[in-house]
Each structure stands twice: as C-alpha cells, then as structure tokens.
C-alpha cells in the first residue's frame, strides 16, 4: 500500500549562486594558496508556482544579506590563512604563481632538485 501524498508543492524557488574569488601564493615554507572570496550572491527566482504570483524579493534580500554579512566573512577567516601546497622531499619550488586560463586555476612553478 502506498501512502497518499498529503501536501502538494505550492511553488519552487531556484537560485544561481555567483562567487567572486581572488587567489594568491603566500608564504614560502610551506607555500600556501591564499583565497579571498569577494562576492557571494544567490538571487532567488520563482521556478514554478501552482498558487499564482509568489514574491521572493524580500527573501532574496535577506538571503543575500546573510551571505555577504555573515557567511562570506566566516569563510574568508578560514581560507585567508591559505591552503598548503603539497611538498616533495628534496625539491624546492620558486617563482610560483597562479594563472587563470580557460576558466581553470593553474599553479605554475619552477623547481630545483
């Protein structure tokens, strides 16, 4: 026996999250990738509604205020310290830089053994 569905979906909300990110190489032993999120936005829009017009502007403003005023500073507090890059015994990395190419972050470096 299948339980009957008690609640129908009244409406559905969708969002496309936008992130802004700065990345840099920090430190020397160990090398770390420093990150700083500059933007975190999630504008909301009604995807589907069976109950007519649904206003989401107020909810969207609250969500985006929480992202920019609370979530973004907390995330940056963690990632600003940097993420250590892997090291290889006996290998020294020099002139390390981050390159954005075709939508991908690349880490380029020269090394000596």
C-alpha atoms as a PDB file:
ATOM      1  CA  UNK A   1       0.000   0.000   0.000  1.00  0.00           C
ATOM      2  CA  UNK A   2       1.337   3.410  -0.959  1.00  0.00           C
ATOM      3  CA  UNK A   3       0.799   6.351   1.361  1.00  0.00           C
ATOM      4  CA  UNK A   4      -1.102   9.179  -0.264  1.00  0.00           C
ATOM      5  CA  UNK A   5       0.696  12.473  -0.752  1.00  0.00           C
ATOM      6  CA  UNK A   6      -0.655  14.874   1.858  1.00  0.00           C
ATOM      7  CA  UNK A   7       0.993  18.064   0.622  1.00  0.00           C
ATOM      8  CA  UNK A   8       1.370  19.301  -2.935  1.00  0.00           C
ATOM      9  CA  UNK A   9       4.234  21.576  -3.910  1.00  0.00           C
ATOM     10  CA  UNK A  10       2.867  25.120  -3.896  1.00  0.00           C
ATOM     11  CA  UNK A  11       5.911  26.684  -5.518  1.00  0.00           C
ATOM     12  CA  UNK A  12       9.604  26.105  -6.139  1.00  0.00           C
ATOM     13  CA  UNK A  13      12.406  28.649  -5.838  1.00  0.00           C
ATOM     14  CA  UNK A  14      15.657  28.483  -7.775  1.00  0.00           C
ATOM     15  CA  UNK A  15      18.938  30.327  -7.461  1.00  0.00           C
ATOM     16  CA  UNK A  16      22.152  30.639  -9.415  1.00  0.00           C
ATOM     17  CA  UNK A  17      24.962  31.242  -6.950  1.00  0.00           C
ATOM     18  CA  UNK A  18      27.659  33.695  -8.012  1.00  0.00           C
ATOM     19  CA  UNK A  19      31.116  33.621  -6.412  1.00  0.00           C
ATOM     20  CA  UNK A  20      33.920  36.134  -6.755  1.00  0.00           C
ATOM     21  CA  UNK A  21      37.370  34.838  -5.810  1.00  0.00           C
ATOM     22  CA  UNK A  22      40.878  36.224  -5.527  1.00  0.00           C
ATOM     23  CA  UNK A  23      43.755  33.759  -5.211  1.00  0.00           C
ATOM     24  CA  UNK A  24      47.417  34.356  -4.460  1.00  0.00           C
ATOM     25  CA  UNK A  25      50.547  32.499  -3.398  1.00  0.00           C
ATOM     26  CA  UNK A  26      51.531  33.337   0.183  1.00  0.00           C
ATOM     27  CA  UNK A  27      54.400  32.262   2.402  1.00  0.00           C
ATOM     28  CA  UNK A  28      57.445  30.292   1.432  1.00  0.00           C
ATOM     29  CA  UNK A  29      57.736  27.300   3.744  1.00  0.00           C
ATOM     30  CA  UNK A  30      55.257  25.857   3.087  1.00  0.00           C
ATOM     31  CA  UNK A  31      53.847  27.615   0.062  1.00  0.00           C
ATOM     32  CA  UNK A  32      50.145  28.269   0.506  1.00  0.00           C
ATOM     33  CA  UNK A  33      47.357  29.322  -1.808  1.00  0.00           C
ATOM     34  CA  UNK A  34      45.631  32.290  -0.190  1.00  0.00           C
ATOM     35  CA  UNK A  35      41.987  32.718  -1.067  1.00  0.00           C
ATOM     36  CA  UNK A  36      39.653  35.655  -0.606  1.00  0.00           C
ATOM     37  CA  UNK A  37      36.020  35.465  -1.642  1.00  0.00           C
ATOM     38  CA  UNK A  38      34.920  38.896  -2.831  1.00  0.00           C
ATOM     39  CA  UNK A  39      31.340  38.064  -3.760  1.00  0.00           C
ATOM     40  CA  UNK A  40      28.748  35.517  -2.695  1.00  0.00           C
ATOM     41  CA  UNK A  41      25.320  36.173  -4.157  1.00  0.00           C
ATOM     42  CA  UNK A  42      22.293  33.961  -4.641  1.00  0.00           C
ATOM     43  CA  UNK A  43      19.444  35.878  -6.239  1.00  0.00           C
ATOM     44  CA  UNK A  44      16.221  33.917  -5.864  1.00  0.00           C
ATOM     45  CA  UNK A  45      13.567  33.459  -8.534  1.00  0.00           C
ATOM     46  CA  UNK A  46      10.333  31.508  -8.682  1.00  0.00           C
ATOM     47  CA  UNK A  47      10.875  28.382 -10.763  1.00  0.00           C
ATOM     48  CA  UNK A  48       7.341  27.019 -10.611  1.00  0.00           C
ATOM     49  CA  UNK A  49       4.107  28.010  -8.864  1.00  0.00           C
ATOM     50  CA  UNK A  50       0.728  26.328  -8.582  1.00  0.00           C
ATOM     51  CA  UNK A  51      -0.647  29.091  -6.332  1.00  0.00           C
ATOM     52  CA  UNK A  52      -0.199  32.131  -8.544  1.00  0.00           C
ATOM     53  CA  UNK A  53       2.246  35.005  -8.211  1.00  0.00           C
ATOM     54  CA  UNK A  54       4.875  34.497  -5.479  1.00  0.00           C
ATOM     55  CA  UNK A  55       7.049  37.430  -4.406  1.00  0.00           C
ATOM     56  CA  UNK A  56      10.603  36.391  -3.448  1.00  0.00           C
ATOM     57  CA  UNK A  57      12.353  39.775  -3.496  1.00  0.00           C
ATOM     58  CA  UNK A  58      12.234  40.147   0.313  1.00  0.00           C
ATOM     59  CA  UNK A  59      13.512  36.612   0.917  1.00  0.00           C
ATOM     60  CA  UNK A  60      16.199  37.125  -1.718  1.00  0.00           C
ATOM     61  CA  UNK A  61      17.354  40.313   0.021  1.00  0.00           C
ATOM     62  CA  UNK A  62      17.560  38.525   3.393  1.00  0.00           C
ATOM     63  CA  UNK A  63      19.455  35.541   1.955  1.00  0.00           C
ATOM     64  CA  UNK A  64      21.954  37.773   0.163  1.00  0.00           C
ATOM     65  CA  UNK A  65      22.431  39.975   3.238  1.00  0.00           C
ATOM     66  CA  UNK A  66      23.210  36.867   5.307  1.00  0.00           C
ATOM     67  CA  UNK A  67      25.658  35.665   2.658  1.00  0.00           C
ATOM     68  CA  UNK A  68      27.511  38.967   2.412  1.00  0.00           C
ATOM     69  CA  UNK A  69      27.410  39.980   6.101  1.00  0.00           C
ATOM     70  CA  UNK A  70      27.766  36.602   7.864  1.00  0.00           C
ATOM     71  CA  UNK A  71      28.792  33.701   5.611  1.00  0.00           C
ATOM     72  CA  UNK A  72      31.400  35.497   3.480  1.00  0.00           C
ATOM     73  CA  UNK A  73      33.414  36.889   6.442  1.00  0.00           C
ATOM     74  CA  UNK A  74      33.358  33.492   8.208  1.00  0.00           C
ATOM     75  CA  UNK A  75      34.546  31.630   5.114  1.00  0.00           C
ATOM     76  CA  UNK A  76      37.242  34.240   4.432  1.00  0.00           C
ATOM     77  CA  UNK A  77      38.505  33.979   8.010  1.00  0.00           C
ATOM     78  CA  UNK A  78      39.310  30.308   7.308  1.00  0.00           C
ATOM     79  CA  UNK A  79      40.590  30.472   3.716  1.00  0.00           C
ATOM     80  CA  UNK A  80      42.630  33.705   4.098  1.00  0.00           C
ATOM     81  CA  UNK A  81      45.237  31.718   6.061  1.00  0.00           C
ATOM     82  CA  UNK A  82      45.930  29.753   2.928  1.00  0.00           C
ATOM     83  CA  UNK A  83      45.832  26.147   1.848  1.00  0.00           C
ATOM     84  CA  UNK A  84      49.248  24.472   1.958  1.00  0.00           C
ATOM     85  CA  UNK A  85      50.561  23.203  -1.360  1.00  0.00           C
ATOM     86  CA  UNK A  86      51.970  19.674  -1.364  1.00  0.00           C
ATOM     87  CA  UNK A  87      55.735  19.426  -0.965  1.00  0.00           C
ATOM     88  CA  UNK A  88      58.211  16.925  -2.358  1.00  0.00           C
ATOM     89  CA  UNK A  89      61.285  15.988  -0.328  1.00  0.00           C
ATOM     90  CA  UNK A  90      64.438  17.460  -1.878  1.00  0.00           C
ATOM     91  CA  UNK A  91      62.546  19.701  -4.320  1.00  0.00           C
ATOM     92  CA  UNK A  92      62.411  23.486  -3.921  1.00  0.00           C
ATOM     93  CA  UNK A  93      59.727  25.499  -5.692  1.00  0.00           C
ATOM     94  CA  UNK A  94      60.474  29.025  -6.929  1.00  0.00           C
ATOM     95  CA  UNK A  95      58.609  31.689  -8.883  1.00  0.00           C
ATOM     96  CA  UNK A  96      55.286  30.058  -8.088  1.00  0.00           C
ATOM     97  CA  UNK A  97      52.229  31.816  -9.471  1.00  0.00           C
ATOM     98  CA  UNK A  98      48.548  31.247 -10.082  1.00  0.00           C
ATOM     99  CA  UNK A  99      47.189  31.575 -13.604  1.00  0.00           C
ATOM    100  CA  UNK A 100      43.543  31.666 -14.671  1.00  0.00           C
ATOM    101  CA  UNK A 101      43.284  30.022 -18.072  1.00  0.00           C
ATOM    102  CA  UNK A 102      40.107  28.901 -19.835  1.00  0.00           C
ATOM    103  CA  UNK A 103      38.142  29.083 -16.579  1.00  0.00           C
ATOM    104  CA  UNK A 104      40.637  26.934 -14.652  1.00  0.00           C
ATOM    105  CA  UNK A 105      43.116  27.987 -11.982  1.00  0.00           C
ATOM    106  CA  UNK A 106      46.601  26.652 -12.736  1.00  0.00           C
ATOM    107  CA  UNK A 107      49.560  26.728 -10.361  1.00  0.00           C
ATOM    108  CA  UNK A 108      52.808  27.224 -12.268  1.00  0.00           C
ATOM    109  CA  UNK A 109      56.249  26.966 -10.678  1.00  0.00           C
ATOM    110  CA  UNK A 110      59.916  26.465 -11.366  1.00  0.00           C
ATOM    111  CA  UNK A 111      61.717  23.960  -9.231  1.00  0.00           C
ATOM    112  CA  UNK A 112      65.206  22.763  -8.331  1.00  0.00           C
ATOM    113  CA  UNK A 113      66.268  19.339  -7.104  1.00  0.00           C
END
